Amino acid sequence: MKRALLPHGFTPATRFGTKRPLAKLARRFPRKRAFITGAGSGLGLALARALAREGWALGLFDRNVERLAAVEADLSGQGLSLTAYPGDVTHADELTVAINSFAAGNDGLDVIINNAGVLACGTLMEVPTEDWRWTIEVDLMGTVHGCKAAIPHLQRNGHGLIINVASAAAFAAVPGTIAHNAAKAAVVALSETLRGELRSTGTQVSVAMPALFQTNLLESKRGPAGLRELAATLMRASDYHAAEAAQDILVEAAAGSACIVLPRSMRRWWWMKRWLPEFFLRQVRRRRDELHPYVDRPVRFDEQDELP
């Protein structure tokens, strides 16, 4: 039976059989210094709260100044070491200055979580070029900027952790969110490649691929109304929560996982995609059609074009 809310007194730690599920992460990085993008709400905020409970010094980066200020006031009031940095991940200089400032003020950096992301809905022929650029700039290039700015600080320590937040969309390839799927798949490829590049430096790279859960991602979504509604339906149907996802990501990353597919029930889909790709894609399409009666528009070609 699906639960609408987390039970009273519930914390994600309950599922790990310990009251301190992040103890391993703290042992690996005893200075406990982390920087999070997209930290003003949703998964980013949940990640910040999970680390704050363990006494981490936090640098929080978000383009929504009002939300970021509210988060800073909330967490700072708990006596935590926290610095808020308003800015846009698509502007490499803004993000680099913020990360450098945080590292300078905390004598280094241990963990960066590139979490900022957006959602553009639509088929290939529906998504405007402007929305393609927007999605790639935020989801992919925002991650690139965060990695490039953080790596010198992580290497200075001789160890470090990069967590890039992609999405299950990277492998699920749900029709109607093509730009989002492509951008998140690129984040996965970036992360897997970077993991190999940094292997000898002591810096670990992990990529998280959570399925949709209830968050505010849809507030900035773009695209046709039918597909926006589909995304909202999928999100409402999820019984997975941001607090759970945050805890799961941090625990799996602390254990050294390269690819973190969440929730655990999604891992069979991950393996199905690898071993039975055609069957997997049919199942994805069937599931989408069950949840929403959106009818695909035909792809139109100019008269001089030849159909494939």
Protein backbone atom coordinates (compact mmCIF):
# COMPACT_ATOMS: atom_id res chain seq x y z
CA MET A 1 0.00 0.00 0.00
CA LYS A 2 1.37 3.38 -0.97
CA ARG A 3 1.95 5.96 1.72
CA ALA A 4 1.08 9.59 1.15
CA LEU A 5 3.30 10.93 3.90
CA LEU A 6 6.27 9.71 5.88
CA PRO A 7 5.05 8.22 9.18
CA HIS A 8 5.43 10.40 12.25
CA GLY A 9 8.93 10.11 13.65
CA PHE A 10 10.17 8.27 10.55
CA THR A 11 13.62 8.96 9.20
CA PRO A 12 15.20 7.22 6.20
CA ALA A 13 17.84 5.87 8.61
CA THR A 14 15.22 3.37 9.77
CA ARG A 15 15.70 1.39 6.56
CA PHE A 16 19.41 0.95 7.15
CA GLY A 17 19.13 -0.44 10.67
CA THR A 18 21.16 2.38 12.23
CA LYS A 19 20.51 5.78 13.65
CA ARG A 20 23.61 7.12 11.87
CA PRO A 21 23.48 5.85 8.28
CA LEU A 22 25.98 8.52 7.18
CA ALA A 23 28.66 7.49 9.67
CA LYS A 24 30.71 5.89 6.89
CA LEU A 25 30.68 9.12 4.89
CA ALA A 26 31.89 11.02 7.95
CA ARG A 27 34.67 8.50 8.53
CA ARG A 28 35.86 8.91 4.96
CA PHE A 29 35.72 12.71 5.18
CA PRO A 30 36.19 13.72 8.85
CA ARG A 31 36.43 17.43 8.00
CA LYS A 32 32.86 17.18 6.64
CA ARG A 33 32.78 19.97 4.05
CA ALA A 34 30.21 19.76 1.24
CA PHE A 35 28.93 22.04 -1.53
CA ILE A 36 25.48 21.47 -3.11
CA THR A 37 23.94 23.08 -6.19
CA GLY A 38 20.17 23.41 -6.56
CA ALA A 39 20.02 23.44 -2.76
CA GLY A 40 17.03 25.76 -2.32
CA SER A 41 14.37 23.05 -2.50
CA GLY A 42 13.56 19.47 -3.42
CA LEU A 43 16.36 16.92 -3.47
CA GLY A 44 19.06 19.55 -2.97
CA LEU A 45 17.42 20.77 0.22
CA ALA A 46 16.91 17.18 1.41
CA LEU A 47 20.60 16.48 0.84
CA ALA A 48 21.52 19.62 2.78
CA ARG A 49 19.29 18.63 5.70
CA ALA A 50 20.68 15.08 5.78
CA LEU A 51 24.25 16.37 5.96
CA ALA A 52 23.33 19.15 8.39
CA ARG A 53 22.02 16.57 10.86
CA GLU A 54 25.52 15.09 10.85
CA GLY A 55 27.20 18.43 11.46
CA TRP A 56 28.65 19.05 8.00
CA ALA A 57 29.81 22.51 6.94
CA LEU A 58 27.70 23.35 3.90
CA GLY A 59 27.91 25.63 0.88
CA LEU A 60 24.47 25.95 -0.73
CA PHE A 61 24.06 27.29 -4.27
CA ASP A 62 20.73 28.14 -5.91
CA ARG A 63 19.31 30.64 -8.38
CA ASN A 64 16.14 31.24 -6.30
CA VAL A 65 17.31 33.89 -3.86
CA GLU A 66 14.17 33.84 -1.69
CA ARG A 67 14.21 30.08 -1.18
CA LEU A 68 17.92 30.05 -0.55
CA ALA A 69 17.57 32.76 2.10
CA ALA A 70 14.80 30.79 3.82
CA VAL A 71 16.94 27.63 3.86
CA GLU A 72 19.92 29.56 5.20
CA ALA A 73 17.82 31.06 8.00
CA ASP A 74 16.34 27.68 8.89
CA LEU A 75 19.58 25.70 9.01
CA SER A 76 21.77 28.49 10.38
CA GLY A 77 19.32 28.84 13.26
CA GLN A 78 20.32 25.32 14.27
CA GLY A 79 23.88 26.44 14.91
CA LEU A 80 25.28 24.92 11.72
CA SER A 81 28.18 26.16 9.61
CA LEU A 82 26.44 27.18 6.41
CA THR A 83 27.05 29.67 3.61
CA ALA A 84 24.47 30.49 0.93
CA TYR A 85 25.56 31.50 -2.57
CA PRO A 86 22.90 32.86 -4.94
CA GLY A 87 23.81 32.11 -8.55
CA ASP A 88 23.14 30.25 -11.76
CA VAL A 89 24.97 27.01 -12.62
CA THR A 90 24.92 27.95 -16.30
CA HIS A 91 27.35 30.77 -15.46
CA ALA A 92 30.65 29.03 -14.85
CA ASP A 93 32.25 32.08 -13.28
CA GLU A 94 29.49 32.47 -10.66
CA LEU A 95 29.71 28.83 -9.63
CA THR A 96 33.51 28.82 -9.61
CA VAL A 97 33.69 31.92 -7.41
CA ALA A 98 31.21 30.38 -4.96
CA ILE A 99 33.07 27.07 -4.72
CA ASN A 100 36.42 28.82 -4.34
CA SER A 101 34.96 31.05 -1.63
CA PHE A 102 33.53 28.11 0.28
CA ALA A 103 36.78 26.16 0.06
CA ALA A 104 38.79 29.17 1.20
CA GLY A 105 36.49 29.76 4.17
CA ASN A 106 36.55 26.12 5.25
CA ASP A 107 40.17 25.27 4.46
CA GLY A 108 39.14 22.92 1.68
CA LEU A 109 36.31 20.90 0.17
CA ASP A 110 35.49 17.20 0.54
CA VAL A 111 32.24 16.62 -1.37
CA ILE A 112 30.45 18.38 -4.21
CA ILE A 113 26.92 17.42 -5.23
CA ASN A 114 25.87 18.70 -8.65
CA ASN A 115 22.12 18.56 -8.22
CA ALA A 116 20.65 21.53 -10.12
CA GLY A 117 18.33 20.46 -12.93
CA VAL A 118 15.31 21.40 -15.04
CA LEU A 119 12.67 19.60 -17.10
CA ALA A 120 11.65 20.28 -20.70
CA CYS A 121 8.80 18.14 -22.03
CA GLY A 122 7.98 17.37 -25.65
CA THR A 123 8.87 15.16 -28.58
CA LEU A 124 11.84 15.91 -30.82
CA MET A 125 9.69 17.98 -33.17
CA GLU A 126 7.95 19.83 -30.32
CA VAL A 127 10.88 20.96 -28.19
CA PRO A 128 12.10 24.38 -29.38
CA THR A 129 15.83 24.84 -29.88
CA GLU A 130 15.77 27.35 -27.04
CA ASP A 131 14.48 24.68 -24.64
CA TRP A 132 17.10 22.21 -25.83
CA ARG A 133 19.80 24.76 -25.05
CA TRP A 134 18.22 25.55 -21.67
CA THR A 135 18.13 21.88 -20.69
CA ILE A 136 21.67 21.14 -21.82
CA GLU A 137 23.05 24.31 -20.20
CA VAL A 138 21.51 23.56 -16.80
CA ASP A 139 21.57 19.76 -16.60
CA LEU A 140 24.81 18.99 -18.41
CA MET A 141 26.93 22.14 -18.50
CA GLY A 142 25.94 23.05 -14.94
CA THR A 143 27.38 19.70 -13.89
CA VAL A 144 30.51 20.28 -15.99
CA HIS A 145 31.03 23.71 -14.39
CA GLY A 146 30.61 22.28 -10.90
CA CYS A 147 33.08 19.46 -11.52
CA LYS A 148 35.71 21.72 -13.07
CA ALA A 149 35.51 24.19 -10.20
CA ALA A 150 35.63 21.55 -7.46
CA ILE A 151 38.28 19.15 -8.75
CA PRO A 152 41.34 21.32 -7.89
CA HIS A 153 40.15 21.53 -4.27
CA LEU A 154 39.38 17.81 -4.05
CA GLN A 155 42.76 16.89 -5.51
CA ARG A 156 44.49 19.20 -3.06
CA ASN A 157 43.12 17.00 -0.27
CA GLY A 158 44.35 13.82 -1.93
CA HIS A 159 40.78 12.50 -1.76
CA GLY A 160 37.26 13.70 -2.52
CA LEU A 161 33.80 12.80 -3.72
CA ILE A 162 31.77 14.09 -6.66
CA ILE A 163 28.09 13.15 -6.79
CA ASN A 164 26.35 14.08 -10.02
CA VAL A 165 22.57 13.82 -9.93
CA ALA A 166 21.18 12.51 -13.22
CA SER A 167 17.86 10.65 -13.39
CA ALA A 168 16.34 7.28 -14.22
CA ALA A 169 15.27 9.12 -17.39
CA ALA A 170 18.86 8.64 -18.53
CA PHE A 171 18.11 4.98 -19.26
CA ALA A 172 14.30 4.78 -19.18
CA ALA A 173 13.93 6.93 -22.33
CA VAL A 174 10.26 7.72 -21.73
CA PRO A 175 8.74 9.20 -24.93
CA GLY A 176 7.82 12.85 -24.60
CA THR A 177 10.76 14.01 -22.49
CA ILE A 178 13.47 13.69 -25.09
CA ALA A 179 15.58 16.71 -24.12
CA HIS A 180 15.52 15.75 -20.44
CA ASN A 181 16.40 12.12 -21.25
CA ALA A 182 19.31 13.13 -23.49
CA ALA A 183 20.74 15.65 -21.02
CA LYS A 184 20.58 13.21 -18.11
CA ALA A 185 22.11 10.42 -20.21
CA ALA A 186 24.96 12.82 -20.97
CA VAL A 187 25.44 13.41 -17.23
CA VAL A 188 25.77 9.64 -16.76
CA ALA A 189 28.36 9.38 -19.56
CA LEU A 190 30.23 12.38 -18.17
CA SER A 191 30.31 10.84 -14.69
CA GLU A 192 31.43 7.40 -15.81
CA THR A 193 34.20 8.91 -17.93
CA LEU A 194 35.30 11.27 -15.18
CA ARG A 195 35.39 8.41 -12.69
CA GLY A 196 38.05 6.78 -14.86
CA GLU A 197 39.95 10.02 -15.38
CA LEU A 198 40.17 10.74 -11.64
CA ARG A 199 40.73 7.18 -10.44
CA SER A 200 44.42 7.68 -9.74
CA THR A 201 43.89 10.98 -7.88
CA GLY A 202 41.80 9.59 -5.02
CA THR A 203 38.65 11.42 -6.11
CA GLN A 204 35.55 9.24 -6.45
CA VAL A 205 32.78 10.07 -8.92
CA SER A 206 29.28 8.68 -8.44
CA VAL A 207 26.17 9.36 -10.50
CA ALA A 208 22.69 9.11 -9.03
CA MET A 209 19.75 8.04 -11.20
CA PRO A 210 16.59 8.41 -9.10
CA ALA A 211 13.14 7.79 -10.50
CA LEU A 212 10.58 10.59 -10.27
CA PHE A 213 9.57 11.53 -6.77
CA GLN A 214 7.58 14.38 -5.31
CA THR A 215 9.59 17.57 -5.63
CA ASN A 216 9.31 21.06 -7.15
CA LEU A 217 11.07 20.16 -10.42
CA LEU A 218 7.85 20.79 -12.36
CA GLU A 219 7.63 24.43 -11.27
CA SER A 220 10.06 25.44 -14.01
CA LYS A 221 9.05 22.80 -16.56
CA ARG A 222 8.51 23.70 -20.19
CA GLY A 223 6.60 21.95 -22.96
CA PRO A 224 3.14 20.89 -24.16
CA ALA A 225 0.41 20.83 -21.52
CA GLY A 226 -0.33 17.12 -22.06
CA LEU A 227 3.23 16.07 -21.40
CA ARG A 228 3.59 18.42 -18.46
CA GLU A 229 0.52 16.75 -16.99
CA LEU A 230 2.05 13.33 -17.64
CA ALA A 231 5.16 14.29 -15.68
CA ALA A 232 2.97 15.57 -12.85
CA THR A 233 0.98 12.31 -12.86
CA LEU A 234 4.14 10.21 -12.64
CA MET A 235 5.38 12.34 -9.78
CA ARG A 236 2.12 12.10 -7.87
CA ALA A 237 2.07 8.32 -8.37
CA SER A 238 5.46 7.93 -6.66
CA ASP A 239 5.65 6.87 -3.02
CA TYR A 240 9.36 7.70 -2.93
CA HIS A 241 10.32 10.91 -1.14
CA ALA A 242 13.13 13.42 -1.43
CA ALA A 243 14.32 12.68 2.12
CA GLU A 244 14.62 8.99 1.27
CA ALA A 245 16.38 9.69 -2.02
CA ALA A 246 18.89 12.00 -0.33
CA GLN A 247 19.72 9.44 2.33
CA ASP A 248 20.01 6.63 -0.20
CA ILE A 249 22.30 8.65 -2.47
CA LEU A 250 24.66 9.60 0.36
CA VAL A 251 24.81 6.07 1.77
CA GLU A 252 25.47 4.49 -1.64
CA ALA A 253 28.09 7.11 -2.52
CA ALA A 254 29.83 6.57 0.83
CA ALA A 255 30.04 2.86 -0.06
CA GLY A 256 31.82 3.75 -3.31
CA SER A 257 29.01 3.00 -5.77
CA ALA A 258 29.57 4.28 -9.30
CA CYS A 259 25.94 4.18 -10.51
CA ILE A 260 23.22 4.74 -7.92
CA VAL A 261 19.82 3.68 -9.29
CA LEU A 262 16.95 4.56 -6.96
CA PRO A 263 14.71 3.45 -5.46
CA ARG A 264 15.97 -0.11 -5.21
CA SER A 265 12.92 -1.35 -7.12
CA MET A 266 14.23 0.53 -10.18
CA ARG A 267 17.37 -1.60 -10.36
CA ARG A 268 15.58 -4.44 -12.09
CA TRP A 269 14.60 -1.94 -14.80
CA TRP A 270 18.25 -0.84 -15.04
CA TRP A 271 19.35 -4.43 -15.63
CA MET A 272 16.41 -5.13 -17.95
CA LYS A 273 17.49 -2.21 -20.13
CA ARG A 274 20.97 -3.70 -20.40
CA TRP A 275 19.95 -7.27 -21.10
CA LEU A 276 16.57 -6.91 -22.88
CA PRO A 277 16.53 -3.42 -24.40
CA GLU A 278 13.64 -3.92 -26.86
CA PHE A 279 11.42 -5.53 -24.24
CA PHE A 280 12.35 -2.78 -21.79
CA LEU A 281 11.36 0.01 -24.17
CA ARG A 282 7.98 -1.65 -24.85
CA GLN A 283 7.34 -1.83 -21.11
CA VAL A 284 8.22 1.83 -20.67
CA ARG A 285 5.82 2.83 -23.43
CA ARG A 286 3.02 0.65 -22.02
CA ARG A 287 3.49 2.10 -18.53
CA ARG A 288 3.40 5.64 -19.88
CA ASP A 289 0.20 4.99 -21.82
CA GLU A 290 -1.46 3.52 -18.73
CA LEU A 291 -0.76 6.66 -16.73
CA HIS A 292 -1.76 9.25 -19.29
CA PRO A 293 -3.90 9.27 -22.46
CA TYR A 294 -1.52 11.55 -24.35
CA VAL A 295 -1.63 10.85 -28.08
CA ASP A 296 1.58 11.39 -29.99
CA ARG A 297 1.42 13.96 -32.74
CA PRO A 298 2.73 12.70 -36.07
CA VAL A 299 6.16 13.86 -37.11
CA ARG A 300 5.76 16.10 -40.16
CA PHE A 301 8.23 16.22 -43.02
CA ASP A 302 8.57 18.78 -45.75
CA GLU A 303 7.49 17.53 -49.16
CA GLN A 304 11.07 17.31 -50.39
CA ASP A 305 12.15 15.15 -47.46
CA GLU A 306 12.21 11.38 -47.76
CA LEU A 307 10.71 9.23 -45.04
CA PRO A 308 13.23 6.87 -43.47
